[in-house]
Amino acid sequence: MPKRLILLFLFLLGIGNVAAMAQPAVPGAFDTKAAQAFMIEASTGTILLAKNEDQPISPASLAKLMTLDVVFDAIGRGEISLDTEYPVSENAWRTGGAPSRASTMFAALKSRVRVGDLIQGVAVQQANDGCIVLAEGISVSEREFARRMTSRARELGMTRAVFTNSTGLPDANDPNGGGKVSLRELVALAQDLQQKHQDLYKYFGQADFTWNKIYQRNKNPLLLLNIGVDGLGLGFTEGEGFSIVASVQRDGRRLFLALGGLKNDKERTEETRRVLEWGLSNFKSQRIFADGEVIGDASVYGGAQSTVGLLAKTPVDVYVPVDTPDRLSARIVYRWPLTAPVAGDYEAGTLRVFLGARLVRELPLYTKESIAQGTLSRRAFDAFMELTESLLFSWLWDKPLPT
């Protein structure tokens, strides 16, 4: 059988396999009380727990994590510094300060506060006044700053998140009511804060902070449990319950976790600890592809070669349960076929790694080498094969997968 027909057969066989993989995952032995949950291992990005992770929820005070990410990014680019000072407006004082009777750092009306102190107020005390002062200082108005927050979210790959203010407080004048975000997106945000801004991330783990002669402990109760948690934030929304974004590091392993829809503060603390302990104790690292190893081939039409090798830019490791009957498998996904000429090191597809039927890791694949255009006869043959395949098998394209 000609090689092209063999590849076609394998491709059609792959459609059946992809359809099978699309079936709903069988629930694992571990579950959480949270209505929404998402947890990954940091070095590999392996998904350890996922439950309604793409369901949009109100960010509540977790919006402050995006506020700080915008601030950290502005510092990193030299737009502002820790010593930049911003005034405390009446709006910031009345909406987020002492009169609000909410989380505050008690910044005095009409005073000026350093960015470094405002960051500590937000990271340690979840200070609403600190958020508003930063927003007004950087973008003149909080509404304009919120647009910057949403724009920054897009840069981080948070494709659906919307923020309407710097604090996450309910916004009756906005149709989004304070914004929307998913737990998957909040974990991506936590990763950016910890991995790209390590010098500033330390404030999330700061035990306490005194401002305006008022001493306050860090509002994150997980810091006191001595389990390795060093951030990030808490949230609560009427009707949606209690939420948290946390990161833990122990024995050289870091996990990022987001939980939502918990009943009360006590349940939030206990469940977060339980999930993190499970993640730290029940998984091991497993290497499935070595550095530089060709993972698979992609078909090339009209090229000097009919296929090109695909590889990842790093070794491919995953975190798998220590005791599990589920089998690891992998799928290569790309727009079939590639058309010559094909550049070397071109991002041509995606590797999807499954544990049983559950997707646990996804990463880009790149062409091993460049493929030049083939001879005229080769291009003509490939064009004929492409036309034939599209006519014979057009009923397969865009066919919905079975549910």
Protein backbone atom coordinates (compact mmCIF):
# COMPACT_ATOMS: atom_id res chain seq x y z
CA MET A 1 0.00 0.00 0.00
CA PRO A 2 1.46 3.46 -0.91
CA LYS A 3 2.72 5.44 2.08
CA ARG A 4 0.20 8.23 1.46
CA LEU A 5 -2.69 5.73 1.68
CA ILE A 6 -1.21 4.24 4.82
CA LEU A 7 -1.12 7.72 6.37
CA LEU A 8 -4.73 8.28 5.30
CA PHE A 9 -5.76 5.02 6.93
CA LEU A 10 -3.98 5.96 10.13
CA PHE A 11 -5.60 9.38 10.04
CA LEU A 12 -9.08 7.87 9.74
CA LEU A 13 -8.26 5.43 12.51
CA GLY A 14 -7.20 8.41 14.59
CA ILE A 15 -10.64 10.02 14.13
CA GLY A 16 -12.22 7.06 15.86
CA ASN A 17 -9.69 7.28 18.67
CA VAL A 18 -10.29 11.02 19.12
CA ALA A 19 -14.03 10.41 19.25
CA ALA A 20 -13.52 7.79 21.92
CA MET A 21 -11.35 10.15 23.93
CA ALA A 22 -14.08 12.79 23.75
CA GLN A 23 -16.41 10.72 25.92
CA PRO A 24 -16.99 12.16 29.41
CA ALA A 25 -14.35 11.21 31.93
CA VAL A 26 -15.26 8.69 34.59
CA PRO A 27 -15.18 10.46 37.95
CA GLY A 28 -12.08 9.65 39.95
CA ALA A 29 -11.95 8.37 43.51
CA PHE A 30 -11.17 11.86 44.83
CA ASP A 31 -13.80 14.57 44.88
CA THR A 32 -14.12 17.95 46.53
CA LYS A 33 -16.91 19.74 48.34
CA ALA A 34 -16.24 22.79 46.18
CA ALA A 35 -18.69 23.55 43.36
CA GLN A 36 -15.75 24.51 41.14
CA ALA A 37 -12.13 23.37 41.39
CA PHE A 38 -8.92 23.46 39.38
CA MET A 39 -5.44 22.40 40.48
CA ILE A 40 -2.20 21.97 38.53
CA GLU A 41 1.39 21.02 39.24
CA ALA A 42 3.54 24.02 38.37
CA SER A 43 6.62 22.61 36.63
CA THR A 44 4.70 20.46 34.14
CA GLY A 45 1.29 22.10 34.07
CA THR A 46 -0.30 18.71 34.74
CA ILE A 47 -3.96 19.03 35.71
CA LEU A 48 -4.46 17.18 38.99
CA LEU A 49 -8.07 18.16 39.67
CA ALA A 50 -10.76 19.74 37.50
CA LYS A 51 -14.42 20.33 38.32
CA ASN A 52 -16.52 22.95 36.51
CA GLU A 53 -13.23 24.77 35.98
CA ASP A 54 -14.48 26.81 33.01
CA GLN A 55 -17.74 27.92 34.62
CA PRO A 56 -17.70 31.73 34.97
CA ILE A 57 -18.08 33.03 38.51
CA SER A 58 -17.91 36.46 40.11
CA PRO A 59 -14.28 37.12 41.05
CA ALA A 60 -15.20 38.98 44.26
CA SER A 61 -12.02 39.89 46.12
CA LEU A 62 -10.01 37.59 43.87
CA ALA A 63 -10.18 40.45 41.35
CA LYS A 64 -7.48 42.03 43.52
CA LEU A 65 -5.06 39.43 42.18
CA MET A 66 -5.54 40.91 38.71
CA THR A 67 -5.15 44.41 40.13
CA LEU A 68 -1.78 43.41 41.56
CA ASP A 69 -0.77 41.66 38.34
CA VAL A 70 -1.34 44.91 36.43
CA VAL A 71 0.68 46.79 39.06
CA PHE A 72 3.50 44.22 39.04
CA ASP A 73 3.62 44.38 35.24
CA ALA A 74 3.79 48.19 35.34
CA ILE A 75 6.69 48.00 37.78
CA GLY A 76 8.47 45.41 35.64
CA ARG A 77 8.22 47.66 32.58
CA GLY A 78 9.48 50.70 34.49
CA GLU A 79 6.20 52.60 34.25
CA ILE A 80 6.11 53.02 38.02
CA SER A 81 8.29 52.00 40.98
CA LEU A 82 7.75 50.92 44.57
CA ASP A 83 8.54 54.50 45.61
CA THR A 84 5.93 56.10 43.35
CA GLU A 85 3.33 57.87 45.49
CA TYR A 86 -0.41 58.18 44.82
CA PRO A 87 -3.00 60.33 46.62
CA VAL A 88 -5.90 58.86 48.59
CA SER A 89 -9.02 60.34 47.00
CA GLU A 90 -12.33 60.74 48.77
CA ASN A 91 -13.70 57.99 46.52
CA ALA A 92 -10.97 55.58 47.58
CA TRP A 93 -11.37 56.51 51.24
CA ARG A 94 -15.16 56.37 51.30
CA THR A 95 -15.60 53.29 49.06
CA GLY A 96 -12.71 51.20 50.32
CA GLY A 97 -11.42 52.88 53.46
CA ALA A 98 -12.53 53.13 57.08
CA PRO A 99 -16.12 54.33 56.32
CA SER A 100 -16.78 51.24 54.15
CA ARG A 101 -16.46 48.78 57.05
CA ALA A 102 -14.87 46.30 54.62
CA SER A 103 -11.30 45.09 54.12
CA THR A 104 -9.10 48.18 54.34
CA MET A 105 -5.56 49.31 55.16
CA PHE A 106 -6.97 52.52 56.72
CA ALA A 107 -5.22 54.89 54.32
CA ALA A 108 -5.89 58.46 55.48
CA LEU A 109 -7.98 60.76 53.30
CA LYS A 110 -5.86 63.12 51.12
CA SER A 111 -2.61 61.48 52.22
CA ARG A 112 -0.08 60.08 49.74
CA VAL A 113 0.97 56.43 49.89
CA ARG A 114 3.91 54.62 48.28
CA VAL A 115 3.12 51.91 45.76
CA GLY A 116 5.18 49.47 47.84
CA ASP A 117 2.94 50.09 50.85
CA LEU A 118 -0.23 49.91 48.77
CA ILE A 119 0.87 46.53 47.42
CA GLN A 120 1.37 45.24 50.96
CA GLY A 121 -2.05 46.55 51.96
CA VAL A 122 -3.71 44.67 49.10
CA ALA A 123 -1.67 41.46 49.32
CA VAL A 124 -1.77 41.13 53.12
CA GLN A 125 -5.06 42.80 54.09
CA GLN A 126 -7.00 42.59 50.80
CA ALA A 127 -7.41 46.34 51.20
CA ASN A 128 -10.13 47.84 49.02
CA ASP A 129 -8.80 51.35 49.54
CA GLY A 130 -5.33 50.23 48.45
CA CYS A 131 -6.78 48.81 45.22
CA ILE A 132 -8.70 51.98 44.38
CA VAL A 133 -5.72 54.25 45.10
CA LEU A 134 -3.57 52.14 42.77
CA ALA A 135 -6.26 52.10 40.08
CA GLU A 136 -6.82 55.86 40.17
CA GLY A 137 -3.10 56.56 40.34
CA ILE A 138 -2.19 54.41 37.36
CA SER A 139 -5.21 55.00 35.11
CA VAL A 140 -6.87 58.20 36.46
CA SER A 141 -10.21 56.41 36.94
CA GLU A 142 -11.06 52.99 38.31
CA ARG A 143 -13.24 52.27 35.27
CA GLU A 144 -10.30 52.86 32.94
CA PHE A 145 -8.08 50.70 35.15
CA ALA A 146 -10.67 47.90 34.94
CA ARG A 147 -10.37 47.96 31.16
CA ARG A 148 -6.63 47.61 31.59
CA MET A 149 -7.23 44.64 33.90
CA THR A 150 -9.32 42.88 31.25
CA SER A 151 -6.73 43.69 28.58
CA ARG A 152 -3.99 42.26 30.78
CA ALA A 153 -6.10 39.14 31.29
CA ARG A 154 -6.16 38.60 27.53
CA GLU A 155 -2.35 38.83 27.45
CA LEU A 156 -2.25 35.99 29.98
CA GLY A 157 -4.56 33.81 27.90
CA MET A 158 -7.63 34.49 30.05
CA THR A 159 -9.91 34.66 27.03
CA ARG A 160 -13.25 35.20 28.74
CA ALA A 161 -12.44 37.00 32.00
CA VAL A 162 -13.99 40.45 32.49
CA PHE A 163 -13.16 42.86 35.31
CA THR A 164 -15.23 45.95 36.07
CA ASN A 165 -13.36 47.37 39.06
CA SER A 166 -10.14 46.93 41.00
CA THR A 167 -11.68 45.43 44.14
CA GLY A 168 -14.25 42.89 42.97
CA LEU A 169 -16.93 44.67 44.99
CA PRO A 170 -20.47 44.28 43.56
CA ASP A 171 -21.11 46.86 40.86
CA ALA A 172 -24.82 47.57 40.47
CA ASN A 173 -24.15 49.95 37.58
CA ASP A 174 -22.41 47.33 35.46
CA PRO A 175 -24.17 44.50 33.60
CA ASN A 176 -21.37 42.14 34.60
CA GLY A 177 -21.98 42.95 38.26
CA GLY A 178 -18.30 43.13 39.20
CA GLY A 179 -16.90 40.90 36.48
CA LYS A 180 -16.67 37.22 35.55
CA VAL A 181 -13.78 34.79 35.61
CA SER A 182 -13.25 31.02 35.65
CA LEU A 183 -11.14 29.00 38.05
CA ARG A 184 -8.90 27.84 35.19
CA GLU A 185 -8.21 31.51 34.44
CA LEU A 186 -7.54 32.31 38.10
CA VAL A 187 -4.92 29.57 38.24
CA ALA A 188 -3.25 31.03 35.13
CA LEU A 189 -3.24 34.41 36.88
CA ALA A 190 -1.70 32.91 40.02
CA GLN A 191 1.01 31.29 37.90
CA ASP A 192 1.90 34.63 36.34
CA LEU A 193 2.09 36.36 39.72
CA GLN A 194 4.36 33.70 41.22
CA GLN A 195 6.52 32.79 38.24
CA LYS A 196 7.10 36.18 36.58
CA HIS A 197 7.11 38.47 39.62
CA GLN A 198 8.86 36.46 42.30
CA ASP A 199 10.39 39.53 43.95
CA LEU A 200 6.91 40.99 44.51
CA TYR A 201 5.04 37.72 45.04
CA LYS A 202 6.65 37.49 48.49
CA TYR A 203 4.13 40.04 49.81
CA PHE A 204 1.34 37.45 49.60
CA GLY A 205 3.11 35.43 52.28
CA GLN A 206 3.85 38.38 54.56
CA ALA A 207 2.47 37.58 58.01
CA ASP A 208 1.20 41.05 58.92
CA PHE A 209 1.24 44.72 58.00
CA THR A 210 0.79 47.91 59.99
CA TRP A 211 -0.50 51.09 58.37
CA ASN A 212 -1.84 54.28 59.94
CA LYS A 213 -0.75 52.74 63.28
CA ILE A 214 -3.21 49.87 62.82
CA TYR A 215 -1.78 46.34 62.94
CA GLN A 216 -3.44 43.60 60.89
CA ARG A 217 -2.55 39.96 60.27
CA ASN A 218 -2.61 38.40 56.84
CA LYS A 219 -6.20 37.43 56.00
CA ASN A 220 -5.15 34.11 54.45
CA PRO A 221 -5.62 31.46 57.20
CA LEU A 222 -3.68 28.85 55.21
CA LEU A 223 -0.42 30.68 55.99
CA LEU A 224 -0.72 29.68 59.65
CA LEU A 225 -1.05 25.95 58.96
CA ASN A 226 2.65 25.44 58.12
CA ILE A 227 1.90 23.28 55.08
CA GLY A 228 3.86 25.38 52.60
CA VAL A 229 1.16 27.79 51.43
CA ASP A 230 2.64 31.20 50.51
CA GLY A 231 -0.35 32.94 48.80
CA LEU A 232 -2.65 34.14 47.28
CA GLY A 233 -6.21 35.39 48.03
CA LEU A 234 -9.77 34.83 49.24
CA GLY A 235 -13.18 35.70 47.85
CA PHE A 236 -16.86 35.66 48.76
CA THR A 237 -19.94 36.46 46.72
CA GLU A 238 -23.55 36.33 47.93
CA GLY A 239 -25.25 33.43 46.21
CA GLU A 240 -21.99 31.87 44.95
CA GLY A 241 -20.24 31.15 48.21
CA PHE A 242 -16.62 31.25 49.37
CA SER A 243 -13.63 30.93 47.05
CA ILE A 244 -9.85 30.81 47.24
CA VAL A 245 -6.75 30.82 45.06
CA ALA A 246 -3.78 29.21 46.80
CA SER A 247 -0.25 28.12 46.02
CA VAL A 248 1.79 25.67 48.03
CA GLN A 249 5.43 24.63 47.77
CA ARG A 250 6.83 21.60 49.52
CA ASP A 251 9.71 19.22 48.82
CA GLY A 252 10.54 20.98 45.56
CA ARG A 253 6.99 20.72 44.23
CA ARG A 254 4.59 23.63 43.72
CA LEU A 255 0.84 23.37 43.20
CA PHE A 256 -1.66 26.06 42.20
CA LEU A 257 -5.25 25.59 43.33
CA ALA A 258 -8.53 27.47 42.91
CA LEU A 259 -11.74 26.45 44.68
CA GLY A 260 -15.18 28.07 44.52
CA GLY A 261 -18.69 27.58 45.81
CA LEU A 262 -17.82 26.56 49.38
CA LYS A 263 -20.36 27.08 52.18
CA ASN A 264 -18.40 29.11 54.71
CA ASP A 265 -14.96 30.27 55.75
CA LYS A 266 -14.30 27.17 57.88
CA GLU A 267 -15.17 24.80 55.05
CA ARG A 268 -13.00 26.82 52.68
CA THR A 269 -9.95 26.49 54.93
CA GLU A 270 -10.46 22.80 55.68
CA GLU A 271 -11.22 21.82 52.09
CA THR A 272 -8.29 23.78 50.69
CA ARG A 273 -5.94 22.03 53.09
CA ARG A 274 -7.43 18.61 52.27
CA VAL A 275 -7.14 19.11 48.49
CA LEU A 276 -3.58 20.44 48.71
CA GLU A 277 -2.45 17.57 50.94
CA TRP A 278 -3.97 15.11 48.49
CA GLY A 279 -2.17 16.77 45.60
CA LEU A 280 1.16 16.78 47.41
CA SER A 281 0.97 13.19 48.67
CA ASN A 282 -0.65 11.14 45.92
CA PHE A 283 1.26 11.97 42.74
CA LYS A 284 4.65 11.17 41.25
CA SER A 285 6.55 12.57 38.27
CA GLN A 286 6.78 10.44 35.13
CA ARG A 287 8.73 11.29 31.98
CA ILE A 288 6.97 10.23 28.79
CA PHE A 289 9.17 11.89 26.13
CA ALA A 290 12.85 12.82 26.41
CA ASP A 291 14.32 16.18 25.45
CA GLY A 292 14.58 16.41 21.66
CA GLU A 293 12.69 13.15 21.10
CA VAL A 294 10.49 13.06 17.99
CA ILE A 295 6.99 12.50 19.32
CA GLY A 296 5.28 11.89 15.98
CA ASP A 297 5.09 12.85 12.33
CA ALA A 298 2.85 15.30 10.49
CA SER A 299 1.85 14.84 6.85
CA VAL A 300 3.25 17.38 4.40
CA TYR A 301 1.65 18.05 1.01
CA GLY A 302 3.79 19.18 -1.88
CA GLY A 303 7.06 18.76 -0.02
CA ALA A 304 10.39 17.14 -0.74
CA GLN A 305 9.40 14.79 2.08
CA SER A 306 5.89 13.50 2.80
CA THR A 307 6.21 13.89 6.60
CA VAL A 308 8.04 16.00 9.16
CA GLY A 309 8.90 15.09 12.73
CA LEU A 310 7.25 16.95 15.60
CA LEU A 311 8.89 17.50 18.96
CA ALA A 312 8.46 19.51 22.15
CA LYS A 313 11.05 22.05 23.26
CA THR A 314 11.45 20.46 26.68
CA PRO A 315 11.24 16.97 28.14
CA VAL A 316 7.59 15.98 28.57
CA ASP A 317 6.85 15.11 32.19
CA VAL A 318 3.48 14.54 33.80
CA TYR A 319 2.34 14.02 37.36
CA VAL A 320 0.36 10.83 37.72
CA PRO A 321 -1.34 9.21 40.71
CA VAL A 322 0.96 6.90 42.67
CA ASP A 323 -1.66 4.14 42.60
CA THR A 324 -3.87 4.21 39.52
CA PRO A 325 -5.17 1.68 37.02
CA ASP A 326 -5.61 4.36 34.34
CA ARG A 327 -3.36 4.28 31.29
CA LEU A 328 -1.39 7.24 29.98
CA SER A 329 -1.94 8.01 26.30
CA ALA A 330 -1.12 10.89 23.98
CA ARG A 331 -2.67 12.48 20.91
CA ILE A 332 -1.08 14.82 18.37
CA VAL A 333 -3.51 17.44 17.06
CA TYR A 334 -2.66 19.60 14.03
CA ARG A 335 -4.32 21.12 10.97
CA TRP A 336 -3.93 18.21 8.53
CA PRO A 337 -1.96 18.34 6.29
CA LEU A 338 0.87 20.88 6.42
CA THR A 339 1.65 22.55 3.09
CA ALA A 340 5.23 22.90 1.85
CA PRO A 341 7.39 24.81 2.26
CA VAL A 342 7.41 24.21 6.02
CA ALA A 343 9.84 26.13 8.22
CA GLY A 344 11.91 24.42 10.86
CA ASP A 345 10.95 25.08 14.49
CA TYR A 346 7.44 25.99 13.32
CA GLU A 347 4.64 25.53 15.88
CA ALA A 348 2.64 22.99 13.94
CA GLY A 349 0.46 21.24 16.46
CA THR A 350 -0.38 20.30 20.03
CA LEU A 351 0.38 17.28 22.16
CA ARG A 352 -2.49 16.24 24.41
CA VAL A 353 -1.73 13.80 27.20
CA PHE A 354 -4.54 11.78 28.77
CA LEU A 355 -4.77 9.74 31.94
CA GLY A 356 -7.53 7.34 31.09
CA ALA A 357 -10.10 9.59 29.40
CA ARG A 358 -9.06 12.74 31.30
CA LEU A 359 -6.90 15.41 29.64
CA VAL A 360 -4.04 16.19 32.05
CA ARG A 361 -1.53 18.13 29.95
CA GLU A 362 -1.37 20.07 26.71
CA LEU A 363 1.71 21.62 25.10
CA PRO A 364 2.83 22.89 21.66
CA LEU A 365 4.80 20.81 19.17
CA TYR A 366 7.33 22.16 16.67
CA THR A 367 8.70 20.88 13.37
CA LYS A 368 12.06 19.17 13.69
CA GLU A 369 13.35 20.53 10.37
CA SER A 370 12.38 22.59 7.37
CA ILE A 371 10.73 20.89 4.39
CA ALA A 372 11.25 22.48 0.99
CA GLN A 373 8.77 22.30 -1.85
CA GLY A 374 8.95 19.05 -3.78
CA THR A 375 9.31 18.50 -7.49
CA LEU A 376 6.50 19.42 -9.85
CA SER A 377 5.47 15.78 -10.15
CA ARG A 378 5.44 15.40 -6.35
CA ARG A 379 3.28 18.50 -5.92
CA ALA A 380 0.90 17.33 -8.65
CA PHE A 381 0.55 13.89 -7.04
CA ASP A 382 -0.08 15.39 -3.61
CA ALA A 383 -2.65 17.82 -5.02
CA PHE A 384 -4.44 14.87 -6.66
CA MET A 385 -4.41 12.92 -3.39
CA GLU A 386 -5.71 15.91 -1.44
CA LEU A 387 -8.58 16.42 -3.91
CA THR A 388 -9.41 12.70 -3.92
CA GLU A 389 -9.43 12.50 -0.14
CA SER A 390 -11.58 15.61 0.21
CA LEU A 391 -14.14 14.16 -2.27
CA LEU A 392 -14.19 10.64 -0.87
CA PHE A 393 -14.15 11.57 2.79
CA SER A 394 -15.82 14.98 2.89
CA TRP A 395 -18.65 13.46 4.93
CA LEU A 396 -16.16 13.11 7.80
CA TRP A 397 -15.10 16.73 7.96
CA ASP A 398 -16.82 18.90 10.55
CA LYS A 399 -18.88 15.91 11.66
CA PRO A 400 -19.86 16.41 15.32
CA LEU A 401 -18.29 13.93 17.68
CA PRO A 402 -20.74 11.52 19.34
CA THR A 403 -22.06 12.55 22.76
